[in-house]
Amino acid sequence: MSSYITVSTKVRKELVEKARALGVNISEVLRRSLEEWVMRRELEELEKKLEEMDEVLERIDLDEVTRIVREDRETR
């Protein structure tokens, strides 16, 4: 089960009044927005890690790996 905390922020009074007049659920909008931003940042971090891995993987000689695998199979 998830636990929750209260997060507060300052927002222009006029904006809150307009949102309420339009029936906007401010808590839900802020919650979804924060979830989306966190997901985007997590994806950015993952992309960075994948790029780093790509640099390492590019240095691997596939012919050498193939040769090693074949040698290993022949010894069994």
Protein backbone atom coordinates (compact mmCIF):
# COMPACT_ATOMS: atom_id res chain seq x y z
CA MET A 1 0.00 0.00 0.00
CA SER A 2 1.32 3.44 -0.91
CA SER A 3 1.76 6.14 1.62
CA TYR A 4 1.05 9.75 0.83
CA ILE A 5 2.42 13.11 1.87
CA THR A 6 1.03 16.57 1.36
CA VAL A 7 2.94 18.82 -1.00
CA SER A 8 2.16 22.50 -1.23
CA THR A 9 3.04 25.16 -3.75
CA LYS A 10 2.19 28.77 -4.38
CA VAL A 11 -0.09 29.47 -7.32
CA ARG A 12 -1.58 32.75 -8.42
CA LYS A 13 -4.94 33.29 -6.75
CA GLU A 14 -6.60 34.16 -10.06
CA LEU A 15 -5.49 30.89 -11.58
CA VAL A 16 -6.92 28.84 -8.72
CA GLU A 17 -10.18 30.79 -8.89
CA LYS A 18 -10.47 30.18 -12.65
CA ALA A 19 -9.69 26.48 -12.20
CA ARG A 20 -12.34 26.12 -9.51
CA ALA A 21 -14.88 28.00 -11.63
CA LEU A 22 -14.19 25.54 -14.45
CA GLY A 23 -14.60 22.57 -12.14
CA VAL A 24 -10.95 21.56 -12.38
CA ASN A 25 -9.79 19.08 -9.76
CA ILE A 26 -6.55 20.89 -8.90
CA SER A 27 -5.15 18.05 -6.80
CA GLU A 28 -5.67 15.54 -9.60
CA VAL A 29 -4.13 17.84 -12.22
CA LEU A 30 -1.06 18.48 -10.07
CA ARG A 31 -0.71 14.79 -9.19
CA ARG A 32 -0.89 13.71 -12.84
CA SER A 33 1.47 16.44 -13.93
CA LEU A 34 4.06 15.46 -11.33
CA GLU A 35 3.73 11.78 -12.28
CA GLU A 36 4.28 12.65 -15.96
CA TRP A 37 7.33 14.80 -15.20
CA VAL A 38 8.85 12.07 -13.04
CA MET A 39 8.25 9.49 -15.77
CA ARG A 40 9.88 11.76 -18.37
CA ARG A 41 12.93 12.28 -16.18
CA GLU A 42 13.21 8.55 -15.52
CA LEU A 43 13.08 7.91 -19.26
CA GLU A 44 15.76 10.56 -19.85
CA GLU A 45 17.99 8.88 -17.28
CA LEU A 46 17.38 5.50 -18.89
CA GLU A 47 18.26 6.91 -22.32
CA LYS A 48 21.52 8.28 -20.93
CA LYS A 49 22.39 4.88 -19.47
CA LEU A 50 21.55 3.18 -22.75
CA GLU A 51 23.79 5.61 -24.64
CA GLU A 52 26.62 4.83 -22.23
CA MET A 53 26.05 1.11 -22.73
CA ASP A 54 25.98 1.59 -26.48
CA GLU A 55 29.45 3.15 -26.34
CA VAL A 56 30.73 0.12 -24.45
CA LEU A 57 28.96 -2.37 -26.70
CA GLU A 58 30.37 -0.72 -29.82
CA ARG A 59 33.86 -1.64 -28.63
CA ILE A 60 33.02 -5.34 -28.53
CA ASP A 61 34.36 -7.23 -31.50
CA LEU A 62 31.50 -9.48 -32.64
CA ASP A 63 33.85 -11.65 -34.69
CA GLU A 64 35.90 -12.31 -31.58
CA VAL A 65 32.78 -13.16 -29.55
CA THR A 66 31.63 -15.54 -32.29
CA ARG A 67 35.05 -17.21 -32.36
CA ILE A 68 35.07 -17.65 -28.58
CA VAL A 69 31.55 -19.13 -28.54
CA ARG A 70 32.48 -21.59 -31.32
CA GLU A 71 35.65 -22.61 -29.50
CA ASP A 72 33.67 -23.17 -26.32
CA ARG A 73 31.12 -25.32 -28.11
CA GLU A 74 33.87 -27.42 -29.69
CA THR A 75 35.47 -28.13 -26.32
CA ARG A 76 32.24 -29.54 -24.87
